[in-house]
Amino acid sequence: MTEKQKRFCDEYLIDCNATRAYKAVYKNVKSDETAKSAASRLLTNVNVKKYIDDRMEEIHNEKTADAQEVIEYLTSVMRGESASEEIVVEGIGDGCSTARAIEKAPSEKDRLKAAELLGKRYGLYTDKVEMDTDLDLNITIDYGKGDTG
């Protein structure tokens, strides 16, 4: 892969706009149509495609929370162990006020929501009962004596 192809890939990964990425690297190209078709050809190049796929996987791994991280976060909220920063405005007299940041524990509503999400994750709230059985169902309908009257 050439240096310009690598730069194109890095530009493309910023916003996945191939036309913009191509024009950013190949400065002599002014037409959007030319850049679009050339970028499209570049994206089919095996080396370019592999580089982009590899980088996307790295980005995904670095920036995406996995299931374990989500569960740990929800657990910390449910237990009231996490805190958020909130700005409060306080009066200091003579019509003046000041703002300051305070640490705030999760509200009861937030803790309940975290518990609910964890409960759903672990299947604690199942209304539907699944049975794995093999049953024969026979239905008999009695229409009476056949009196037509």
N, C-alpha and C. Protein backbone atom coordinates (compact mmCIF):
# COMPACT_ATOMS: atom_id res chain seq x y z
N MET A 1 0.85 -1.18 0.00
CA MET A 1 0.00 0.00 0.00
C MET A 1 0.89 1.24 0.00
N THR A 2 0.52 2.21 -0.81
CA THR A 2 1.31 3.44 -0.89
C THR A 2 1.00 4.33 0.31
N GLU A 3 1.85 5.33 0.50
CA GLU A 3 1.66 6.27 1.60
C GLU A 3 0.36 7.05 1.42
N LYS A 4 0.06 7.44 0.17
CA LYS A 4 -1.18 8.19 -0.08
C LYS A 4 -2.40 7.32 0.17
N GLN A 5 -2.32 6.05 -0.17
CA GLN A 5 -3.45 5.16 0.09
C GLN A 5 -3.68 5.03 1.60
N LYS A 6 -2.59 4.96 2.35
CA LYS A 6 -2.70 4.87 3.81
C LYS A 6 -3.32 6.16 4.37
N ARG A 7 -2.88 7.30 3.85
CA ARG A 7 -3.45 8.58 4.30
C ARG A 7 -4.93 8.66 3.93
N PHE A 8 -5.29 8.16 2.74
CA PHE A 8 -6.69 8.13 2.33
C PHE A 8 -7.50 7.31 3.34
N CYS A 9 -6.98 6.16 3.72
CA CYS A 9 -7.67 5.30 4.69
C CYS A 9 -7.87 6.02 6.01
N ASP A 10 -6.83 6.67 6.50
CA ASP A 10 -6.93 7.39 7.77
C ASP A 10 -7.93 8.54 7.69
N GLU A 11 -7.94 9.24 6.57
CA GLU A 11 -8.93 10.31 6.37
C GLU A 11 -10.34 9.73 6.29
N TYR A 12 -10.48 8.63 5.59
CA TYR A 12 -11.78 7.97 5.43
C TYR A 12 -12.34 7.55 6.79
N LEU A 13 -11.47 7.09 7.67
CA LEU A 13 -11.91 6.62 8.99
C LEU A 13 -12.43 7.73 9.89
N ILE A 14 -12.14 8.98 9.55
CA ILE A 14 -12.62 10.11 10.36
C ILE A 14 -14.14 10.18 10.32
N ASP A 15 -14.72 10.12 9.10
CA ASP A 15 -16.17 10.28 8.98
C ASP A 15 -16.80 9.36 7.93
N CYS A 16 -16.00 8.45 7.38
CA CYS A 16 -16.45 7.49 6.36
C CYS A 16 -16.99 8.19 5.12
N ASN A 17 -16.45 9.37 4.81
CA ASN A 17 -16.80 10.10 3.60
C ASN A 17 -15.64 9.92 2.62
N ALA A 18 -15.82 9.01 1.67
CA ALA A 18 -14.74 8.65 0.74
C ALA A 18 -14.37 9.81 -0.17
N THR A 19 -15.35 10.56 -0.65
CA THR A 19 -15.08 11.69 -1.54
C THR A 19 -14.24 12.74 -0.84
N ARG A 20 -14.64 13.11 0.38
CA ARG A 20 -13.88 14.10 1.14
C ARG A 20 -12.47 13.60 1.43
N ALA A 21 -12.35 12.34 1.81
CA ALA A 21 -11.05 11.76 2.13
C ALA A 21 -10.13 11.78 0.91
N TYR A 22 -10.68 11.44 -0.24
CA TYR A 22 -9.87 11.42 -1.47
C TYR A 22 -9.37 12.83 -1.80
N LYS A 23 -10.27 13.82 -1.71
CA LYS A 23 -9.88 15.20 -2.02
C LYS A 23 -8.89 15.75 -0.99
N ALA A 24 -8.94 15.28 0.23
CA ALA A 24 -8.01 15.73 1.26
C ALA A 24 -6.60 15.23 0.99
N VAL A 25 -6.49 14.03 0.42
CA VAL A 25 -5.17 13.44 0.17
C VAL A 25 -4.65 13.81 -1.22
N TYR A 26 -5.51 13.74 -2.21
CA TYR A 26 -5.12 14.04 -3.59
C TYR A 26 -5.60 15.45 -3.91
N LYS A 27 -4.79 16.43 -3.54
CA LYS A 27 -5.16 17.85 -3.61
C LYS A 27 -5.44 18.34 -5.03
N ASN A 28 -4.85 17.69 -6.04
CA ASN A 28 -5.03 18.14 -7.41
C ASN A 28 -6.42 17.80 -7.94
N VAL A 29 -7.16 16.94 -7.28
CA VAL A 29 -8.51 16.58 -7.72
C VAL A 29 -9.49 17.59 -7.13
N LYS A 30 -10.22 18.29 -8.00
CA LYS A 30 -11.16 19.32 -7.56
C LYS A 30 -12.61 18.87 -7.70
N SER A 31 -12.89 18.03 -8.68
CA SER A 31 -14.26 17.61 -8.97
C SER A 31 -14.72 16.53 -7.99
N ASP A 32 -15.92 16.72 -7.45
CA ASP A 32 -16.49 15.72 -6.54
C ASP A 32 -16.74 14.40 -7.26
N GLU A 33 -17.18 14.48 -8.51
CA GLU A 33 -17.47 13.26 -9.28
C GLU A 33 -16.20 12.44 -9.50
N THR A 34 -15.11 13.12 -9.85
CA THR A 34 -13.84 12.42 -10.06
C THR A 34 -13.36 11.80 -8.76
N ALA A 35 -13.44 12.57 -7.68
CA ALA A 35 -13.01 12.06 -6.38
C ALA A 35 -13.88 10.89 -5.94
N LYS A 36 -15.17 10.98 -6.20
CA LYS A 36 -16.10 9.91 -5.80
C LYS A 36 -15.77 8.60 -6.51
N SER A 37 -15.57 8.66 -7.82
CA SER A 37 -15.29 7.42 -8.57
C SER A 37 -13.91 6.86 -8.22
N ALA A 38 -12.91 7.74 -8.05
CA ALA A 38 -11.57 7.27 -7.69
C ALA A 38 -11.57 6.67 -6.28
N ALA A 39 -12.29 7.30 -5.37
CA ALA A 39 -12.37 6.79 -4.00
C ALA A 39 -13.08 5.44 -3.98
N SER A 40 -14.10 5.31 -4.79
CA SER A 40 -14.83 4.05 -4.87
C SER A 40 -13.91 2.93 -5.35
N ARG A 41 -13.08 3.22 -6.34
CA ARG A 41 -12.10 2.23 -6.83
C ARG A 41 -11.10 1.89 -5.73
N LEU A 42 -10.64 2.91 -5.01
CA LEU A 42 -9.68 2.67 -3.93
C LEU A 42 -10.26 1.76 -2.85
N LEU A 43 -11.52 1.95 -2.54
CA LEU A 43 -12.16 1.16 -1.49
C LEU A 43 -12.31 -0.31 -1.86
N THR A 44 -12.19 -0.62 -3.15
CA THR A 44 -12.24 -2.03 -3.57
C THR A 44 -10.87 -2.67 -3.60
N ASN A 45 -9.81 -1.87 -3.43
CA ASN A 45 -8.45 -2.39 -3.39
C ASN A 45 -8.30 -3.29 -2.15
N VAL A 46 -7.77 -4.48 -2.35
CA VAL A 46 -7.67 -5.46 -1.27
C VAL A 46 -6.88 -4.93 -0.08
N ASN A 47 -5.74 -4.29 -0.34
CA ASN A 47 -4.90 -3.77 0.74
C ASN A 47 -5.59 -2.64 1.50
N VAL A 48 -6.25 -1.76 0.75
CA VAL A 48 -6.96 -0.64 1.36
C VAL A 48 -8.11 -1.17 2.22
N LYS A 49 -8.87 -2.08 1.66
CA LYS A 49 -10.00 -2.67 2.38
C LYS A 49 -9.53 -3.35 3.67
N LYS A 50 -8.46 -4.11 3.61
CA LYS A 50 -7.94 -4.80 4.79
C LYS A 50 -7.47 -3.80 5.85
N TYR A 51 -6.76 -2.74 5.42
CA TYR A 51 -6.29 -1.73 6.36
C TYR A 51 -7.48 -1.07 7.07
N ILE A 52 -8.49 -0.70 6.31
CA ILE A 52 -9.67 -0.05 6.89
C ILE A 52 -10.38 -1.00 7.85
N ASP A 53 -10.55 -2.25 7.44
CA ASP A 53 -11.22 -3.23 8.31
C ASP A 53 -10.45 -3.43 9.61
N ASP A 54 -9.12 -3.53 9.51
CA ASP A 54 -8.29 -3.71 10.71
C ASP A 54 -8.40 -2.51 11.64
N ARG A 55 -8.33 -1.31 11.08
CA ARG A 55 -8.43 -0.10 11.90
C ARG A 55 -9.82 0.03 12.53
N MET A 56 -10.86 -0.33 11.78
CA MET A 56 -12.22 -0.26 12.32
C MET A 56 -12.36 -1.22 13.51
N GLU A 57 -11.74 -2.38 13.40
CA GLU A 57 -11.78 -3.35 14.50
C GLU A 57 -11.06 -2.78 15.73
N GLU A 58 -9.91 -2.13 15.52
CA GLU A 58 -9.18 -1.51 16.63
C GLU A 58 -10.02 -0.42 17.29
N ILE A 59 -10.62 0.43 16.46
CA ILE A 59 -11.45 1.52 16.98
C ILE A 59 -12.62 0.94 17.76
N HIS A 60 -13.25 -0.08 17.21
CA HIS A 60 -14.38 -0.72 17.89
C HIS A 60 -13.94 -1.26 19.25
N ASN A 61 -12.81 -1.92 19.30
CA ASN A 61 -12.33 -2.50 20.55
C ASN A 61 -11.98 -1.43 21.59
N GLU A 62 -11.43 -0.30 21.13
CA GLU A 62 -11.01 0.75 22.06
C GLU A 62 -12.18 1.55 22.61
N LYS A 63 -13.19 1.79 21.79
CA LYS A 63 -14.22 2.75 22.15
C LYS A 63 -15.56 2.14 22.52
N THR A 64 -15.74 0.86 22.31
CA THR A 64 -17.03 0.25 22.54
C THR A 64 -17.02 -0.52 23.86
N ALA A 65 -18.02 -0.26 24.66
CA ALA A 65 -18.14 -0.98 25.93
C ALA A 65 -18.57 -2.42 25.64
N ASP A 66 -17.98 -3.35 26.34
CA ASP A 66 -18.40 -4.74 26.18
C ASP A 66 -19.47 -5.05 27.23
N ALA A 67 -20.05 -6.22 27.14
CA ALA A 67 -21.15 -6.60 28.03
C ALA A 67 -20.73 -6.54 29.49
N GLN A 68 -19.53 -6.99 29.79
CA GLN A 68 -19.04 -6.98 31.17
C GLN A 68 -18.98 -5.56 31.73
N GLU A 69 -18.48 -4.62 30.93
CA GLU A 69 -18.38 -3.23 31.37
C GLU A 69 -19.76 -2.63 31.63
N VAL A 70 -20.72 -2.94 30.77
CA VAL A 70 -22.08 -2.43 30.95
C VAL A 70 -22.69 -2.99 32.23
N ILE A 71 -22.52 -4.27 32.46
CA ILE A 71 -23.08 -4.90 33.66
C ILE A 71 -22.44 -4.32 34.92
N GLU A 72 -21.13 -4.11 34.90
CA GLU A 72 -20.44 -3.53 36.05
C GLU A 72 -20.94 -2.11 36.33
N TYR A 73 -21.15 -1.33 35.25
CA TYR A 73 -21.64 0.04 35.43
C TYR A 73 -23.05 0.03 36.02
N LEU A 74 -23.93 -0.79 35.46
CA LEU A 74 -25.30 -0.85 35.98
C LEU A 74 -25.31 -1.30 37.44
N THR A 75 -24.45 -2.22 37.78
CA THR A 75 -24.36 -2.68 39.17
C THR A 75 -23.91 -1.55 40.09
N SER A 76 -22.93 -0.76 39.66
CA SER A 76 -22.45 0.35 40.50
C SER A 76 -23.53 1.41 40.67
N VAL A 77 -24.33 1.65 39.62
CA VAL A 77 -25.43 2.61 39.75
C VAL A 77 -26.48 2.06 40.71
N MET A 78 -26.85 0.80 40.53
CA MET A 78 -27.86 0.19 41.39
C MET A 78 -27.45 0.25 42.86
N ARG A 79 -26.19 0.06 43.14
CA ARG A 79 -25.70 0.07 44.53
C ARG A 79 -25.42 1.48 45.05
N GLY A 80 -25.57 2.48 44.19
CA GLY A 80 -25.33 3.86 44.60
C GLY A 80 -23.86 4.21 44.70
N GLU A 81 -23.01 3.42 44.05
CA GLU A 81 -21.56 3.64 44.14
C GLU A 81 -21.04 4.65 43.12
N SER A 82 -21.80 4.89 42.06
CA SER A 82 -21.33 5.85 41.06
C SER A 82 -21.81 7.25 41.46
N ALA A 83 -21.20 8.25 40.89
CA ALA A 83 -21.58 9.63 41.20
C ALA A 83 -21.48 10.46 39.94
N SER A 84 -22.33 11.46 39.86
CA SER A 84 -22.25 12.39 38.74
C SER A 84 -22.06 13.79 39.31
N GLU A 85 -21.57 14.67 38.46
CA GLU A 85 -21.34 16.04 38.90
C GLU A 85 -22.52 16.88 38.47
N GLU A 86 -23.03 17.68 39.38
CA GLU A 86 -24.17 18.53 39.09
C GLU A 86 -23.84 19.96 39.50
N ILE A 87 -24.26 20.90 38.68
CA ILE A 87 -24.03 22.32 38.97
C ILE A 87 -25.23 22.86 39.73
N VAL A 88 -24.97 23.48 40.87
CA VAL A 88 -26.03 24.11 41.66
C VAL A 88 -25.72 25.60 41.80
N VAL A 89 -26.78 26.38 41.81
CA VAL A 89 -26.64 27.83 41.97
C VAL A 89 -27.13 28.18 43.37
N GLU A 90 -26.28 28.90 44.12
CA GLU A 90 -26.61 29.27 45.49
C GLU A 90 -26.61 30.78 45.62
N GLY A 91 -27.60 31.28 46.35
CA GLY A 91 -27.64 32.71 46.63
C GLY A 91 -26.62 33.06 47.70
N ILE A 92 -25.92 34.19 47.49
CA ILE A 92 -24.92 34.60 48.48
C ILE A 92 -25.26 35.96 49.09
N GLY A 93 -26.49 36.42 48.86
CA GLY A 93 -26.92 37.68 49.45
C GLY A 93 -26.90 38.82 48.45
N ASP A 94 -27.67 39.87 48.75
CA ASP A 94 -27.77 41.07 47.91
C ASP A 94 -28.12 40.74 46.46
N GLY A 95 -28.91 39.69 46.23
CA GLY A 95 -29.34 39.33 44.88
C GLY A 95 -28.26 38.67 44.05
N CYS A 96 -27.15 38.33 44.66
CA CYS A 96 -26.06 37.68 43.94
C CYS A 96 -26.13 36.17 44.15
N SER A 97 -25.58 35.48 43.21
CA SER A 97 -25.53 34.02 43.35
C SER A 97 -24.22 33.50 42.77
N THR A 98 -23.92 32.28 43.14
CA THR A 98 -22.71 31.65 42.64
C THR A 98 -23.04 30.21 42.26
N ALA A 99 -22.32 29.70 41.31
CA ALA A 99 -22.53 28.31 40.89
C ALA A 99 -21.36 27.47 41.37
N ARG A 100 -21.68 26.26 41.79
CA ARG A 100 -20.62 25.34 42.17
C ARG A 100 -21.03 23.92 41.79
N ALA A 101 -20.04 23.09 41.63
CA ALA A 101 -20.28 21.69 41.26
C ALA A 101 -20.32 20.83 42.52
N ILE A 102 -21.29 19.93 42.55
CA ILE A 102 -21.37 18.99 43.67
C ILE A 102 -21.44 17.56 43.12
N GLU A 103 -20.95 16.63 43.93
CA GLU A 103 -21.06 15.21 43.58
C GLU A 103 -22.44 14.74 44.00
N LYS A 104 -23.12 14.06 43.08
CA LYS A 104 -24.47 13.60 43.37
C LYS A 104 -24.56 12.10 43.14
N ALA A 105 -25.04 11.39 44.13
CA ALA A 105 -25.24 9.94 44.00
C ALA A 105 -26.45 9.70 43.10
N PRO A 106 -26.56 8.52 42.52
CA PRO A 106 -27.71 8.22 41.67
C PRO A 106 -29.02 8.33 42.46
N SER A 107 -30.04 8.85 41.80
CA SER A 107 -31.34 8.97 42.45
C SER A 107 -31.96 7.59 42.60
N GLU A 108 -33.00 7.52 43.40
CA GLU A 108 -33.70 6.24 43.59
C GLU A 108 -34.26 5.75 42.25
N LYS A 109 -34.72 6.68 41.44
CA LYS A 109 -35.26 6.33 40.12
C LYS A 109 -34.16 5.72 39.24
N ASP A 110 -32.97 6.32 39.25
CA ASP A 110 -31.85 5.80 38.46
C ASP A 110 -31.42 4.42 38.96
N ARG A 111 -31.40 4.25 40.26
CA ARG A 111 -31.01 2.97 40.84
C ARG A 111 -32.02 1.88 40.50
N LEU A 112 -33.30 2.24 40.54
CA LEU A 112 -34.35 1.29 40.20
C LEU A 112 -34.26 0.88 38.73
N LYS A 113 -33.99 1.85 37.86
CA LYS A 113 -33.86 1.55 36.43
C LYS A 113 -32.67 0.62 36.18
N ALA A 114 -31.55 0.86 36.85
CA ALA A 114 -30.38 0.00 36.71
C ALA A 114 -30.71 -1.42 37.19
N ALA A 115 -31.44 -1.52 38.31
CA ALA A 115 -31.83 -2.84 38.82
C ALA A 115 -32.75 -3.54 37.84
N GLU A 116 -33.66 -2.78 37.25
CA GLU A 116 -34.58 -3.35 36.26
C GLU A 116 -33.82 -3.89 35.05
N LEU A 117 -32.88 -3.12 34.54
CA LEU A 117 -32.09 -3.56 33.39
C LEU A 117 -31.26 -4.79 33.71
N LEU A 118 -30.68 -4.82 34.89
CA LEU A 118 -29.93 -6.01 35.31
C LEU A 118 -30.86 -7.22 35.46
N GLY A 119 -32.03 -7.00 36.03
CA GLY A 119 -32.99 -8.08 36.18
C GLY A 119 -33.41 -8.65 34.83
N LYS A 120 -33.62 -7.77 33.86
CA LYS A 120 -33.96 -8.24 32.51
C LYS A 120 -32.81 -9.04 31.93
N ARG A 121 -31.61 -8.58 32.16
CA ARG A 121 -30.43 -9.26 31.62
C ARG A 121 -30.33 -10.69 32.16
N TYR A 122 -30.65 -10.85 33.43
CA TYR A 122 -30.55 -12.16 34.05
C TYR A 122 -31.85 -12.96 34.01
N GLY A 123 -32.86 -12.43 33.31
CA GLY A 123 -34.11 -13.16 33.13
C GLY A 123 -34.92 -13.33 34.40
N LEU A 124 -34.87 -12.33 35.28
CA LEU A 124 -35.60 -12.43 36.54
C LEU A 124 -37.08 -12.13 36.40
N TYR A 125 -37.46 -11.46 35.33
CA TYR A 125 -38.86 -11.07 35.15
C TYR A 125 -39.42 -11.79 33.92
N THR A 126 -39.78 -13.03 34.05
CA THR A 126 -40.32 -13.74 32.91
C THR A 126 -41.81 -13.98 33.13
N ASP A 127 -42.62 -13.41 32.27
CA ASP A 127 -44.06 -13.64 32.30
C ASP A 127 -44.41 -14.87 31.48
N LYS A 128 -43.59 -15.17 30.53
CA LYS A 128 -43.85 -16.27 29.63
C LYS A 128 -43.12 -17.50 30.15
N VAL A 129 -43.85 -18.59 30.26
CA VAL A 129 -43.25 -19.84 30.70
C VAL A 129 -43.06 -20.71 29.47
N GLU A 130 -41.84 -21.12 29.25
CA GLU A 130 -41.56 -21.98 28.11
C GLU A 130 -41.45 -23.41 28.60
N MET A 131 -42.20 -24.28 27.94
CA MET A 131 -42.17 -25.69 28.30
C MET A 131 -41.65 -26.47 27.11
N ASP A 132 -40.77 -27.36 27.38
CA ASP A 132 -40.23 -28.21 26.33
C ASP A 132 -40.82 -29.60 26.53
N THR A 133 -42.06 -29.76 26.09
CA THR A 133 -42.74 -31.04 26.27
C THR A 133 -43.36 -31.47 24.95
N ASP A 134 -43.69 -32.73 24.86
CA ASP A 134 -44.34 -33.28 23.68
C ASP A 134 -45.73 -33.74 24.13
N LEU A 135 -46.75 -32.96 23.81
CA LEU A 135 -48.11 -33.26 24.25
C LEU A 135 -49.00 -33.55 23.06
N ASP A 136 -49.94 -34.48 23.24
CA ASP A 136 -51.00 -34.69 22.27
C ASP A 136 -52.22 -33.96 22.80
N LEU A 137 -52.87 -33.19 21.95
CA LEU A 137 -54.03 -32.42 22.36
C LEU A 137 -55.24 -32.95 21.62
N ASN A 138 -56.22 -33.46 22.36
CA ASN A 138 -57.46 -33.95 21.78
C ASN A 138 -58.59 -33.06 22.25
N ILE A 139 -59.38 -32.56 21.31
CA ILE A 139 -60.50 -31.69 21.64
C ILE A 139 -61.78 -32.39 21.17
N THR A 140 -62.74 -32.53 22.06
CA THR A 140 -64.03 -33.13 21.73
C THR A 140 -65.09 -32.05 21.90
N ILE A 141 -65.90 -31.88 20.87
CA ILE A 141 -66.96 -30.88 20.92
C ILE A 141 -68.30 -31.61 20.93
N ASP A 142 -69.12 -31.33 21.92
CA ASP A 142 -70.44 -31.95 22.03
C ASP A 142 -71.47 -30.94 21.56
N TYR A 143 -72.15 -31.27 20.46
CA TYR A 143 -73.16 -30.37 19.90
C TYR A 143 -74.56 -30.72 20.40
N GLY A 144 -74.67 -31.56 21.35
CA GLY A 144 -75.98 -31.95 21.89
C GLY A 144 -76.50 -33.19 21.18
N LYS A 145 -77.85 -33.41 21.27
CA LYS A 145 -78.46 -34.61 20.73
C LYS A 145 -78.79 -34.51 19.26
N GLY A 146 -78.57 -33.42 18.67
CA GLY A 146 -78.90 -33.29 17.26
C GLY A 146 -80.35 -32.91 17.05
N ASP A 147 -81.02 -32.36 18.05
CA ASP A 147 -82.42 -31.96 17.97
C ASP A 147 -82.55 -30.73 17.09
N THR A 148 -83.27 -30.86 15.98
CA THR A 148 -83.43 -29.75 15.04
C THR A 148 -84.78 -29.10 15.18
N GLY A 149 -85.64 -29.62 15.97
CA GLY A 149 -86.82 -29.18 16.36
C GLY A 149 -88.03 -28.76 15.92
